[in-house]
Amino acid sequence: CWDHVLDLETEPEKWRLVWATLDSRQPFRDFVYCSLGGDGAPMYVKASGKPIFDSNGEFRGYRDTGIDVTALMRAQEEHERLRQLETDLAHMNRLSTMGELAASLAHEIAQPIATARNNARAALHFLDRSSIDLGQVREALTCVVDDADRAGEILDRIRDHIKKAPPRKERVDLNQAITDVIALAQGAIIKNGVSVQIRLTEGLPHVQADGVQVQ
């Protein structure tokens, strides 16, 4: 079939593995490759084969079968195309949502930065005193670190929502996902006078899902 194969260059690793199998005289099963059909159009073939040896143990060749699976492969390609389109639409929807929350998010980020600035100034003020209380300085600097961490967490959540990435399966804590979303929308919640009440069940098992999509 080598003279008619169309995916030698696009999928070299697949062919390297099957050639290694043939060279070692091992059976192969359900090997799918793209070839040129009798009408000149590309077609997909699923082949299986086993080595044949004569009574002296000499290798005589392969006895194999081939099935035309073009329709199946085309259906899988269409399914993948639709899945990618769904992913792109979900990403666009997230971008639109984050755009609507832009002013609120700017406020959410500015708040811990402003608090960190105030705490840093307080630390400097404590250091300027003739009698320095290191406990007060340490407390102020600890607050600066906490505020910086909070701003970083907000930025990480925003980055997760706007980056374009394929869906992934991971362990998701639904309670944490809800809490994160409320924190992300806190500015908009306050601005619009919305009252949010939460009743979360403790000890829920994690679910396998894409955390960003769930949020």
N, C-alpha and C. Protein backbone atom coordinates (compact mmCIF):
# COMPACT_ATOMS: atom_id res chain seq x y z
N CYS A 1 0.83 -1.22 0.00
CA CYS A 1 0.00 0.00 0.00
C CYS A 1 0.86 1.26 0.00
N TRP A 2 2.19 1.13 0.10
CA TRP A 2 3.02 2.33 0.28
C TRP A 2 2.91 3.32 -0.87
N ASP A 3 2.67 2.81 -2.09
CA ASP A 3 2.65 3.69 -3.27
C ASP A 3 1.46 4.63 -3.27
N HIS A 4 0.43 4.31 -2.50
CA HIS A 4 -0.81 5.09 -2.54
C HIS A 4 -1.10 5.81 -1.23
N VAL A 5 -0.21 5.71 -0.25
CA VAL A 5 -0.45 6.33 1.05
C VAL A 5 -0.35 7.85 0.96
N LEU A 6 -1.24 8.55 1.68
CA LEU A 6 -1.27 10.01 1.63
C LEU A 6 -0.84 10.66 2.95
N ASP A 7 -0.64 9.88 3.99
CA ASP A 7 -0.33 10.49 5.29
C ASP A 7 1.05 10.10 5.82
N LEU A 8 1.95 9.70 4.93
CA LEU A 8 3.30 9.35 5.36
C LEU A 8 4.02 10.55 5.98
N GLU A 9 3.86 11.72 5.36
CA GLU A 9 4.57 12.91 5.84
C GLU A 9 3.85 13.59 6.99
N THR A 10 2.53 13.50 7.01
CA THR A 10 1.78 14.19 8.07
C THR A 10 1.74 13.40 9.36
N GLU A 11 1.87 12.08 9.30
CA GLU A 11 1.85 11.25 10.50
C GLU A 11 3.00 10.25 10.49
N PRO A 12 4.24 10.74 10.46
CA PRO A 12 5.39 9.84 10.36
C PRO A 12 5.54 8.89 11.55
N GLU A 13 5.16 9.36 12.75
CA GLU A 13 5.34 8.52 13.94
C GLU A 13 4.46 7.27 13.86
N LYS A 14 3.25 7.44 13.34
CA LYS A 14 2.35 6.31 13.19
C LYS A 14 2.95 5.25 12.28
N TRP A 15 3.54 5.72 11.19
CA TRP A 15 4.13 4.79 10.22
C TRP A 15 5.43 4.19 10.76
N ARG A 16 6.16 4.94 11.53
CA ARG A 16 7.39 4.38 12.12
C ARG A 16 7.05 3.20 13.03
N LEU A 17 5.98 3.34 13.80
CA LEU A 17 5.59 2.27 14.71
C LEU A 17 5.11 1.03 13.96
N VAL A 18 4.34 1.22 12.90
CA VAL A 18 3.83 0.05 12.17
C VAL A 18 4.95 -0.64 11.40
N TRP A 19 5.92 0.14 10.90
CA TRP A 19 7.06 -0.48 10.21
C TRP A 19 7.90 -1.30 11.20
N ALA A 20 8.04 -0.77 12.42
CA ALA A 20 8.78 -1.52 13.44
C ALA A 20 8.06 -2.82 13.77
N THR A 21 6.72 -2.77 13.78
CA THR A 21 5.93 -3.98 14.04
C THR A 21 6.14 -5.00 12.92
N LEU A 22 6.11 -4.53 11.67
CA LEU A 22 6.30 -5.43 10.53
C LEU A 22 7.70 -6.01 10.52
N ASP A 23 8.69 -5.20 10.80
CA ASP A 23 10.08 -5.67 10.80
C ASP A 23 10.31 -6.74 11.85
N SER A 24 9.58 -6.65 12.96
CA SER A 24 9.75 -7.65 14.02
C SER A 24 8.78 -8.83 13.86
N ARG A 25 8.05 -8.85 12.72
CA ARG A 25 7.14 -9.95 12.40
C ARG A 25 6.06 -10.13 13.47
N GLN A 26 5.52 -9.02 13.94
CA GLN A 26 4.47 -9.06 14.95
C GLN A 26 3.12 -8.77 14.29
N PRO A 27 2.05 -9.27 14.86
CA PRO A 27 0.72 -8.94 14.32
C PRO A 27 0.37 -7.48 14.59
N PHE A 28 -0.48 -6.92 13.76
CA PHE A 28 -0.97 -5.56 14.01
C PHE A 28 -2.48 -5.57 13.86
N ARG A 29 -3.12 -4.62 14.50
CA ARG A 29 -4.59 -4.62 14.52
C ARG A 29 -5.12 -3.19 14.46
N ASP A 30 -6.15 -3.00 13.62
CA ASP A 30 -6.88 -1.73 13.53
C ASP A 30 -5.96 -0.54 13.24
N PHE A 31 -5.04 -0.73 12.31
CA PHE A 31 -4.16 0.36 11.87
C PHE A 31 -4.89 1.16 10.80
N VAL A 32 -5.11 2.44 11.06
CA VAL A 32 -5.88 3.30 10.15
C VAL A 32 -4.92 4.24 9.41
N TYR A 33 -5.05 4.25 8.11
CA TYR A 33 -4.21 5.15 7.32
C TYR A 33 -5.04 5.72 6.17
N CYS A 34 -4.53 6.81 5.60
CA CYS A 34 -5.22 7.47 4.49
C CYS A 34 -4.54 7.08 3.19
N SER A 35 -5.34 6.66 2.22
CA SER A 35 -4.78 6.19 0.96
C SER A 35 -5.57 6.79 -0.20
N LEU A 36 -5.10 6.50 -1.40
CA LEU A 36 -5.78 6.98 -2.60
C LEU A 36 -6.75 5.91 -3.07
N GLY A 37 -8.03 6.28 -3.19
CA GLY A 37 -9.04 5.33 -3.60
C GLY A 37 -9.02 5.08 -5.10
N GLY A 38 -9.82 4.13 -5.52
CA GLY A 38 -9.87 3.79 -6.93
C GLY A 38 -10.36 4.92 -7.80
N ASP A 39 -11.16 5.82 -7.23
CA ASP A 39 -11.67 6.96 -7.99
C ASP A 39 -10.75 8.17 -7.89
N GLY A 40 -9.58 7.98 -7.27
CA GLY A 40 -8.64 9.08 -7.14
C GLY A 40 -8.86 9.97 -5.95
N ALA A 41 -9.88 9.69 -5.15
CA ALA A 41 -10.18 10.50 -3.97
C ALA A 41 -9.57 9.85 -2.73
N PRO A 42 -9.22 10.64 -1.72
CA PRO A 42 -8.67 10.07 -0.49
C PRO A 42 -9.69 9.16 0.20
N MET A 43 -9.21 8.08 0.77
CA MET A 43 -10.05 7.18 1.53
C MET A 43 -9.26 6.68 2.75
N TYR A 44 -9.99 6.31 3.79
CA TYR A 44 -9.36 5.78 5.00
C TYR A 44 -9.57 4.27 5.05
N VAL A 45 -8.50 3.57 5.40
CA VAL A 45 -8.53 2.12 5.49
C VAL A 45 -8.10 1.69 6.89
N LYS A 46 -8.84 0.76 7.47
CA LYS A 46 -8.43 0.17 8.75
C LYS A 46 -7.98 -1.26 8.47
N ALA A 47 -6.70 -1.51 8.75
CA ALA A 47 -6.11 -2.80 8.40
C ALA A 47 -5.65 -3.55 9.64
N SER A 48 -5.75 -4.87 9.56
CA SER A 48 -5.23 -5.76 10.59
C SER A 48 -4.51 -6.91 9.88
N GLY A 49 -3.49 -7.43 10.51
CA GLY A 49 -2.77 -8.53 9.86
C GLY A 49 -1.98 -9.35 10.86
N LYS A 50 -1.66 -10.59 10.43
CA LYS A 50 -0.82 -11.42 11.28
C LYS A 50 0.23 -12.10 10.39
N PRO A 51 1.42 -12.32 10.92
CA PRO A 51 2.50 -12.93 10.12
C PRO A 51 2.23 -14.42 9.88
N ILE A 52 2.67 -14.87 8.72
CA ILE A 52 2.51 -16.28 8.36
C ILE A 52 3.91 -16.91 8.24
N PHE A 53 4.08 -18.07 8.85
CA PHE A 53 5.35 -18.81 8.80
C PHE A 53 5.09 -20.21 8.24
N ASP A 54 6.04 -20.74 7.48
CA ASP A 54 5.88 -22.09 6.96
C ASP A 54 6.26 -23.12 8.02
N SER A 55 6.22 -24.38 7.63
CA SER A 55 6.49 -25.46 8.59
C SER A 55 7.92 -25.42 9.12
N ASN A 56 8.82 -24.76 8.40
CA ASN A 56 10.20 -24.64 8.87
C ASN A 56 10.43 -23.38 9.70
N GLY A 57 9.36 -22.62 9.94
CA GLY A 57 9.48 -21.41 10.72
C GLY A 57 9.92 -20.20 9.93
N GLU A 58 9.96 -20.36 8.59
CA GLU A 58 10.37 -19.25 7.75
C GLU A 58 9.21 -18.28 7.55
N PHE A 59 9.50 -17.01 7.65
CA PHE A 59 8.47 -15.98 7.44
C PHE A 59 8.07 -15.94 5.97
N ARG A 60 6.77 -16.02 5.70
CA ARG A 60 6.27 -16.04 4.33
C ARG A 60 5.51 -14.77 3.95
N GLY A 61 5.19 -13.94 4.94
CA GLY A 61 4.44 -12.72 4.63
C GLY A 61 3.33 -12.48 5.65
N TYR A 62 2.44 -11.59 5.30
CA TYR A 62 1.32 -11.26 6.19
C TYR A 62 0.00 -11.62 5.53
N ARG A 63 -0.89 -12.13 6.33
CA ARG A 63 -2.28 -12.29 5.89
C ARG A 63 -3.06 -11.17 6.57
N ASP A 64 -3.64 -10.29 5.77
CA ASP A 64 -4.28 -9.13 6.39
C ASP A 64 -5.64 -8.84 5.77
N THR A 65 -6.37 -7.99 6.45
CA THR A 65 -7.68 -7.54 5.98
C THR A 65 -7.72 -6.02 6.03
N GLY A 66 -8.50 -5.42 5.15
CA GLY A 66 -8.65 -3.97 5.14
C GLY A 66 -10.11 -3.58 5.00
N ILE A 67 -10.53 -2.61 5.76
CA ILE A 67 -11.92 -2.15 5.74
C ILE A 67 -11.94 -0.66 5.42
N ASP A 68 -12.84 -0.27 4.55
CA ASP A 68 -13.01 1.15 4.22
C ASP A 68 -13.76 1.83 5.37
N VAL A 69 -13.07 2.73 6.07
CA VAL A 69 -13.70 3.43 7.20
C VAL A 69 -13.77 4.94 6.93
N THR A 70 -13.83 5.30 5.65
CA THR A 70 -13.85 6.72 5.27
C THR A 70 -15.02 7.46 5.89
N ALA A 71 -16.22 6.86 5.85
CA ALA A 71 -17.40 7.52 6.39
C ALA A 71 -17.25 7.75 7.89
N LEU A 72 -16.70 6.75 8.59
CA LEU A 72 -16.50 6.88 10.03
C LEU A 72 -15.51 7.99 10.35
N MET A 73 -14.41 8.04 9.61
CA MET A 73 -13.39 9.06 9.86
C MET A 73 -13.93 10.46 9.55
N ARG A 74 -14.70 10.55 8.47
CA ARG A 74 -15.29 11.84 8.12
C ARG A 74 -16.24 12.31 9.24
N ALA A 75 -16.99 11.36 9.80
CA ALA A 75 -17.91 11.71 10.89
C ALA A 75 -17.13 12.16 12.11
N GLN A 76 -16.00 11.49 12.39
CA GLN A 76 -15.18 11.89 13.54
C GLN A 76 -14.57 13.27 13.31
N GLU A 77 -14.14 13.54 12.09
CA GLU A 77 -13.59 14.86 11.78
C GLU A 77 -14.64 15.94 11.95
N GLU A 78 -15.88 15.66 11.51
CA GLU A 78 -16.95 16.63 11.66
C GLU A 78 -17.28 16.86 13.13
N HIS A 79 -17.27 15.76 13.89
CA HIS A 79 -17.52 15.88 15.33
C HIS A 79 -16.45 16.74 15.99
N GLU A 80 -15.19 16.54 15.61
CA GLU A 80 -14.10 17.33 16.17
C GLU A 80 -14.23 18.79 15.76
N ARG A 81 -14.65 19.02 14.50
CA ARG A 81 -14.83 20.40 14.03
C ARG A 81 -15.93 21.09 14.84
N LEU A 82 -17.04 20.39 15.09
CA LEU A 82 -18.13 20.96 15.86
C LEU A 82 -17.71 21.19 17.32
N ARG A 83 -16.92 20.25 17.86
CA ARG A 83 -16.44 20.40 19.23
C ARG A 83 -15.54 21.64 19.34
N GLN A 84 -14.69 21.85 18.32
CA GLN A 84 -13.82 23.02 18.33
C GLN A 84 -14.63 24.31 18.20
N LEU A 85 -15.68 24.26 17.37
CA LEU A 85 -16.56 25.43 17.22
C LEU A 85 -17.24 25.74 18.54
N GLU A 86 -17.69 24.71 19.24
CA GLU A 86 -18.33 24.90 20.55
C GLU A 86 -17.35 25.53 21.53
N THR A 87 -16.09 25.05 21.50
CA THR A 87 -15.06 25.61 22.38
C THR A 87 -14.81 27.09 22.06
N ASP A 88 -14.75 27.41 20.75
CA ASP A 88 -14.52 28.80 20.34
C ASP A 88 -15.67 29.71 20.78
N LEU A 89 -16.90 29.20 20.65
CA LEU A 89 -18.06 30.00 21.05
C LEU A 89 -18.06 30.23 22.56
N ALA A 90 -17.69 29.18 23.31
CA ALA A 90 -17.62 29.32 24.77
C ALA A 90 -16.56 30.36 25.15
N HIS A 91 -15.44 30.35 24.42
CA HIS A 91 -14.38 31.32 24.70
C HIS A 91 -14.85 32.74 24.39
N MET A 92 -15.56 32.91 23.27
CA MET A 92 -16.08 34.23 22.91
C MET A 92 -17.08 34.71 23.96
N ASN A 93 -17.88 33.78 24.47
CA ASN A 93 -18.86 34.15 25.49
C ASN A 93 -18.17 34.60 26.77
N ARG A 94 -17.08 33.90 27.13
CA ARG A 94 -16.33 34.30 28.32
C ARG A 94 -15.70 35.68 28.13
N LEU A 95 -15.16 35.93 26.93
CA LEU A 95 -14.56 37.24 26.65
C LEU A 95 -15.61 38.34 26.76
N SER A 96 -16.81 38.06 26.24
CA SER A 96 -17.89 39.04 26.31
C SER A 96 -18.26 39.31 27.77
N THR A 97 -18.35 38.25 28.55
CA THR A 97 -18.70 38.41 29.96
C THR A 97 -17.64 39.20 30.70
N MET A 98 -16.37 38.87 30.45
CA MET A 98 -15.29 39.59 31.13
C MET A 98 -15.24 41.05 30.69
N GLY A 99 -15.62 41.30 29.42
CA GLY A 99 -15.68 42.69 28.96
C GLY A 99 -16.73 43.48 29.72
N GLU A 100 -17.89 42.85 29.94
CA GLU A 100 -18.95 43.52 30.69
C GLU A 100 -18.54 43.78 32.14
N LEU A 101 -17.67 42.90 32.67
CA LEU A 101 -17.23 43.04 34.06
C LEU A 101 -15.96 43.87 34.20
N ALA A 102 -15.48 44.43 33.07
CA ALA A 102 -14.17 45.09 33.07
C ALA A 102 -14.05 46.16 34.16
N ALA A 103 -15.04 47.04 34.25
CA ALA A 103 -14.97 48.12 35.25
C ALA A 103 -14.97 47.55 36.65
N SER A 104 -15.80 46.53 36.87
CA SER A 104 -15.86 45.90 38.18
C SER A 104 -14.53 45.23 38.52
N LEU A 105 -13.94 44.57 37.53
CA LEU A 105 -12.68 43.87 37.77
C LEU A 105 -11.56 44.86 38.05
N ALA A 106 -11.59 46.00 37.36
CA ALA A 106 -10.58 47.03 37.63
C ALA A 106 -10.67 47.50 39.07
N HIS A 107 -11.89 47.63 39.56
CA HIS A 107 -12.09 48.02 40.96
C HIS A 107 -11.58 46.94 41.89
N GLU A 108 -11.87 45.67 41.54
CA GLU A 108 -11.44 44.56 42.39
C GLU A 108 -9.93 44.51 42.52
N ILE A 109 -9.23 44.81 41.42
CA ILE A 109 -7.77 44.79 41.45
C ILE A 109 -7.22 46.03 42.15
N ALA A 110 -7.84 47.18 41.90
CA ALA A 110 -7.35 48.44 42.49
C ALA A 110 -7.47 48.43 44.01
N GLN A 111 -8.50 47.75 44.52
CA GLN A 111 -8.73 47.78 45.96
C GLN A 111 -7.58 47.17 46.76
N PRO A 112 -7.14 45.94 46.47
CA PRO A 112 -6.00 45.40 47.24
C PRO A 112 -4.70 46.15 46.98
N ILE A 113 -4.56 46.71 45.77
CA ILE A 113 -3.35 47.51 45.50
C ILE A 113 -3.33 48.76 46.38
N ALA A 114 -4.48 49.42 46.49
CA ALA A 114 -4.57 50.62 47.33
C ALA A 114 -4.33 50.27 48.80
N THR A 115 -4.88 49.15 49.23
CA THR A 115 -4.68 48.73 50.62
C THR A 115 -3.21 48.40 50.87
N ALA A 116 -2.57 47.74 49.89
CA ALA A 116 -1.15 47.42 50.02
C ALA A 116 -0.32 48.70 50.12
N ARG A 117 -0.69 49.70 49.33
CA ARG A 117 0.03 50.98 49.37
C ARG A 117 -0.08 51.61 50.75
N ASN A 118 -1.29 51.60 51.32
CA ASN A 118 -1.50 52.19 52.64
C ASN A 118 -0.71 51.44 53.71
N ASN A 119 -0.70 50.12 53.61
CA ASN A 119 0.04 49.33 54.60
C ASN A 119 1.55 49.55 54.45
N ALA A 120 2.02 49.70 53.22
CA ALA A 120 3.44 49.96 53.01
C ALA A 120 3.82 51.32 53.59
N ARG A 121 2.95 52.32 53.41
CA ARG A 121 3.22 53.64 53.98
C ARG A 121 3.22 53.57 55.51
N ALA A 122 2.32 52.75 56.06
CA ALA A 122 2.29 52.59 57.52
C ALA A 122 3.59 51.98 58.01
N ALA A 123 4.11 50.98 57.27
CA ALA A 123 5.38 50.35 57.66
C ALA A 123 6.51 51.38 57.63
N LEU A 124 6.53 52.23 56.61
CA LEU A 124 7.55 53.28 56.53
C LEU A 124 7.41 54.27 57.70
N HIS A 125 6.17 54.57 58.04
CA HIS A 125 5.93 55.49 59.15
C HIS A 125 6.44 54.89 60.46
N PHE A 126 6.21 53.60 60.67
CA PHE A 126 6.69 52.94 61.88
C PHE A 126 8.22 52.94 61.93
N LEU A 127 8.85 52.79 60.76
CA LEU A 127 10.31 52.77 60.71
C LEU A 127 10.92 54.14 60.97
N ASP A 128 10.15 55.20 60.71
CA ASP A 128 10.65 56.57 60.92
C ASP A 128 10.61 56.98 62.39
N ARG A 129 9.90 56.23 63.21
CA ARG A 129 9.82 56.58 64.62
C ARG A 129 11.18 56.38 65.29
N SER A 130 11.39 57.14 66.31
CA SER A 130 12.65 57.00 67.06
C SER A 130 12.71 55.66 67.78
N SER A 131 11.55 55.23 68.26
CA SER A 131 11.47 53.90 68.89
C SER A 131 10.66 52.99 67.97
N ILE A 132 11.35 52.08 67.29
CA ILE A 132 10.71 51.24 66.27
C ILE A 132 10.08 50.01 66.93
N ASP A 133 8.80 49.82 66.63
CA ASP A 133 8.10 48.61 67.08
C ASP A 133 8.11 47.62 65.92
N LEU A 134 9.00 46.64 65.97
CA LEU A 134 9.12 45.70 64.85
C LEU A 134 7.85 44.86 64.67
N GLY A 135 7.11 44.67 65.72
CA GLY A 135 5.85 43.93 65.60
C GLY A 135 4.88 44.65 64.69
N GLN A 136 4.77 46.00 64.86
CA GLN A 136 3.88 46.79 64.00
C GLN A 136 4.37 46.77 62.55
N VAL A 137 5.70 46.87 62.38
CA VAL A 137 6.25 46.84 61.02
C VAL A 137 5.97 45.50 60.36
N ARG A 138 6.20 44.43 61.11
CA ARG A 138 5.96 43.09 60.55
C ARG A 138 4.48 42.89 60.19
N GLU A 139 3.59 43.39 61.04
CA GLU A 139 2.16 43.25 60.78
C GLU A 139 1.77 44.01 59.51
N ALA A 140 2.31 45.23 59.35
CA ALA A 140 1.99 46.03 58.17
C ALA A 140 2.51 45.37 56.90
N LEU A 141 3.75 44.85 56.97
CA LEU A 141 4.32 44.20 55.79
C LEU A 141 3.60 42.90 55.46
N THR A 142 3.14 42.20 56.49
CA THR A 142 2.35 40.98 56.25
C THR A 142 1.07 41.31 55.50
N CYS A 143 0.45 42.44 55.88
CA CYS A 143 -0.77 42.87 55.18
C CYS A 143 -0.46 43.23 53.72
N VAL A 144 0.70 43.81 53.47
CA VAL A 144 1.10 44.14 52.10
C VAL A 144 1.19 42.86 51.27
N VAL A 145 1.83 41.84 51.82
CA VAL A 145 1.95 40.56 51.11
C VAL A 145 0.58 39.96 50.85
N ASP A 146 -0.29 39.99 51.86
CA ASP A 146 -1.64 39.43 51.69
C ASP A 146 -2.41 40.17 50.60
N ASP A 147 -2.29 41.49 50.59
CA ASP A 147 -2.99 42.29 49.57
C ASP A 147 -2.44 41.98 48.17
N ALA A 148 -1.12 41.84 48.06
CA ALA A 148 -0.51 41.52 46.76
C ALA A 148 -0.97 40.14 46.29
N ASP A 149 -1.04 39.19 47.23
CA ASP A 149 -1.51 37.84 46.87
C ASP A 149 -2.96 37.88 46.38
N ARG A 150 -3.78 38.69 47.05
CA ARG A 150 -5.18 38.80 46.66
C ARG A 150 -5.31 39.36 45.25
N ALA A 151 -4.53 40.41 44.95
CA ALA A 151 -4.56 41.00 43.59
C ALA A 151 -4.08 39.97 42.58
N GLY A 152 -3.04 39.20 42.93
CA GLY A 152 -2.54 38.18 42.02
C GLY A 152 -3.57 37.11 41.76
N GLU A 153 -4.33 36.70 42.78
CA GLU A 153 -5.37 35.68 42.60
C GLU A 153 -6.47 36.18 41.67
N ILE A 154 -6.83 37.45 41.81
CA ILE A 154 -7.85 38.02 40.92
C ILE A 154 -7.36 38.00 39.48
N LEU A 155 -6.09 38.39 39.27
CA LEU A 155 -5.53 38.39 37.92
C LEU A 155 -5.46 36.97 37.36
N ASP A 156 -5.13 36.00 38.20
CA ASP A 156 -5.08 34.61 37.74
C ASP A 156 -6.45 34.14 37.29
N ARG A 157 -7.49 34.49 38.04
CA ARG A 157 -8.85 34.09 37.66
C ARG A 157 -9.25 34.74 36.33
N ILE A 158 -8.90 36.02 36.17
CA ILE A 158 -9.21 36.70 34.91
C ILE A 158 -8.47 36.03 33.76
N ARG A 159 -7.20 35.74 33.97
CA ARG A 159 -6.38 35.12 32.92
C ARG A 159 -6.96 33.76 32.52
N ASP A 160 -7.42 32.99 33.49
CA ASP A 160 -8.01 31.68 33.19
C ASP A 160 -9.24 31.82 32.31
N HIS A 161 -10.01 32.88 32.55
CA HIS A 161 -11.27 33.03 31.82
C HIS A 161 -11.08 33.57 30.41
N ILE A 162 -9.99 34.32 30.17
CA ILE A 162 -9.85 34.93 28.85
C ILE A 162 -8.90 34.16 27.94
N LYS A 163 -8.06 33.29 28.49
CA LYS A 163 -7.13 32.57 27.62
C LYS A 163 -7.87 31.49 26.84
N LYS A 164 -7.41 31.26 25.64
CA LYS A 164 -8.03 30.26 24.78
C LYS A 164 -7.30 28.94 24.96
N ALA A 165 -7.99 27.98 25.51
CA ALA A 165 -7.38 26.69 25.78
C ALA A 165 -8.42 25.60 25.57
N PRO A 166 -8.00 24.42 25.14
CA PRO A 166 -8.95 23.32 24.95
C PRO A 166 -9.55 22.89 26.29
N PRO A 167 -10.75 22.33 26.28
CA PRO A 167 -11.35 21.84 27.53
C PRO A 167 -10.44 20.82 28.19
N ARG A 168 -10.42 20.83 29.51
CA ARG A 168 -9.58 19.88 30.23
C ARG A 168 -10.40 19.25 31.34
N LYS A 169 -10.05 18.02 31.66
CA LYS A 169 -10.72 17.34 32.76
C LYS A 169 -9.83 17.44 34.00
N GLU A 170 -10.42 17.93 35.08
CA GLU A 170 -9.69 18.08 36.32
C GLU A 170 -10.67 17.93 37.48
N ARG A 171 -10.14 17.77 38.67
CA ARG A 171 -10.98 17.68 39.86
C ARG A 171 -11.43 19.08 40.24
N VAL A 172 -12.75 19.29 40.26
CA VAL A 172 -13.31 20.61 40.52
C VAL A 172 -14.13 20.57 41.80
N ASP A 173 -13.83 21.51 42.70
CA ASP A 173 -14.62 21.71 43.91
C ASP A 173 -15.73 22.70 43.56
N LEU A 174 -16.97 22.22 43.50
CA LEU A 174 -18.08 23.07 43.08
C LEU A 174 -18.28 24.25 44.04
N ASN A 175 -18.14 24.01 45.33
CA ASN A 175 -18.28 25.10 46.30
C ASN A 175 -17.24 26.18 46.05
N GLN A 176 -16.00 25.78 45.79
CA GLN A 176 -14.94 26.74 45.53
C GLN A 176 -15.20 27.50 44.23
N ALA A 177 -15.73 26.78 43.21
CA ALA A 177 -16.04 27.42 41.94
C ALA A 177 -17.08 28.53 42.13
N ILE A 178 -18.10 28.24 42.94
CA ILE A 178 -19.14 29.23 43.22
C ILE A 178 -18.54 30.43 43.96
N THR A 179 -17.72 30.14 44.96
CA THR A 179 -17.10 31.21 45.74
C THR A 179 -16.22 32.10 44.87
N ASP A 180 -15.46 31.46 43.96
CA ASP A 180 -14.57 32.22 43.07
C ASP A 180 -15.36 33.15 42.15
N VAL A 181 -16.48 32.65 41.62
CA VAL A 181 -17.29 33.46 40.71
C VAL A 181 -17.86 34.67 41.44
N ILE A 182 -18.35 34.46 42.65
CA ILE A 182 -18.91 35.56 43.42
C ILE A 182 -17.84 36.60 43.73
N ALA A 183 -16.64 36.12 44.06
CA ALA A 183 -15.53 37.05 44.33
C ALA A 183 -15.17 37.84 43.08
N LEU A 184 -15.21 37.18 41.92
CA LEU A 184 -14.87 37.84 40.67
C LEU A 184 -15.90 38.91 40.31
N ALA A 185 -17.15 38.67 40.66
CA ALA A 185 -18.23 39.60 40.30
C ALA A 185 -18.60 40.52 41.45
N GLN A 186 -17.80 40.55 42.51
CA GLN A 186 -18.17 41.30 43.71
C GLN A 186 -18.41 42.77 43.42
N GLY A 187 -17.55 43.35 42.58
CA GLY A 187 -17.72 44.77 42.27
C GLY A 187 -19.05 45.05 41.60
N ALA A 188 -19.42 44.22 40.62
CA ALA A 188 -20.69 44.39 39.92
C ALA A 188 -21.86 44.12 40.85
N ILE A 189 -21.69 43.17 41.76
CA ILE A 189 -22.75 42.85 42.73
C ILE A 189 -23.05 44.06 43.61
N ILE A 190 -21.98 44.68 44.13
CA ILE A 190 -22.15 45.85 44.99
C ILE A 190 -22.71 47.03 44.21
N LYS A 191 -22.16 47.27 43.01
CA LYS A 191 -22.58 48.41 42.20
C LYS A 191 -24.06 48.35 41.88
N ASN A 192 -24.58 47.15 41.61
CA ASN A 192 -25.98 47.01 41.21
C ASN A 192 -26.91 46.70 42.38
N GLY A 193 -26.37 46.74 43.60
CA GLY A 193 -27.22 46.54 44.77
C GLY A 193 -27.83 45.15 44.84
N VAL A 194 -27.07 44.16 44.41
CA VAL A 194 -27.57 42.78 44.41
C VAL A 194 -27.26 42.11 45.74
N SER A 195 -28.21 41.39 46.26
CA SER A 195 -28.00 40.63 47.49
C SER A 195 -27.78 39.17 47.13
N VAL A 196 -26.64 38.64 47.52
CA VAL A 196 -26.30 37.26 47.21
C VAL A 196 -26.31 36.44 48.50
N GLN A 197 -27.09 35.39 48.51
CA GLN A 197 -27.12 34.49 49.66
C GLN A 197 -26.63 33.11 49.21
N ILE A 198 -25.76 32.50 50.00
CA ILE A 198 -25.16 31.22 49.62
C ILE A 198 -25.47 30.18 50.70
N ARG A 199 -25.90 29.02 50.26
CA ARG A 199 -26.05 27.88 51.16
C ARG A 199 -25.35 26.70 50.49
N LEU A 200 -24.13 26.43 50.92
CA LEU A 200 -23.31 25.39 50.31
C LEU A 200 -23.27 24.15 51.20
N THR A 201 -23.39 23.01 50.59
CA THR A 201 -23.31 21.74 51.33
C THR A 201 -21.86 21.36 51.53
N GLU A 202 -21.47 21.14 52.75
CA GLU A 202 -20.09 20.79 53.04
C GLU A 202 -19.81 19.33 52.66
N GLY A 203 -18.56 19.07 52.32
CA GLY A 203 -18.14 17.69 52.07
C GLY A 203 -18.57 17.10 50.75
N LEU A 204 -18.95 17.96 49.79
CA LEU A 204 -19.33 17.43 48.48
C LEU A 204 -18.11 16.83 47.79
N PRO A 205 -18.27 15.70 47.11
CA PRO A 205 -17.13 15.13 46.37
C PRO A 205 -16.79 16.02 45.17
N HIS A 206 -15.52 16.04 44.80
CA HIS A 206 -15.10 16.79 43.62
C HIS A 206 -15.68 16.11 42.37
N VAL A 207 -15.87 16.90 41.31
CA VAL A 207 -16.36 16.37 40.04
C VAL A 207 -15.26 16.51 39.00
N GLN A 208 -15.32 15.66 37.97
CA GLN A 208 -14.38 15.74 36.86
C GLN A 208 -14.97 16.66 35.81
N ALA A 209 -14.34 17.82 35.60
CA ALA A 209 -14.89 18.79 34.64
C ALA A 209 -13.81 19.81 34.32
N ASP A 210 -14.16 20.72 33.42
CA ASP A 210 -13.29 21.87 33.13
C ASP A 210 -13.70 22.98 34.09
N GLY A 211 -12.79 23.34 35.01
CA GLY A 211 -13.13 24.30 36.05
C GLY A 211 -13.56 25.64 35.52
N VAL A 212 -12.89 26.14 34.49
CA VAL A 212 -13.22 27.45 33.94
C VAL A 212 -14.61 27.43 33.31
N GLN A 213 -14.92 26.36 32.56
CA GLN A 213 -16.26 26.28 31.96
C GLN A 213 -17.35 26.20 33.01
N VAL A 214 -17.09 25.46 34.09
CA VAL A 214 -18.07 25.36 35.17
C VAL A 214 -18.32 26.75 35.76
N GLN A 215 -17.24 27.49 36.00
CA GLN A 215 -17.40 28.85 36.55
C GLN A 215 -18.15 29.75 35.58
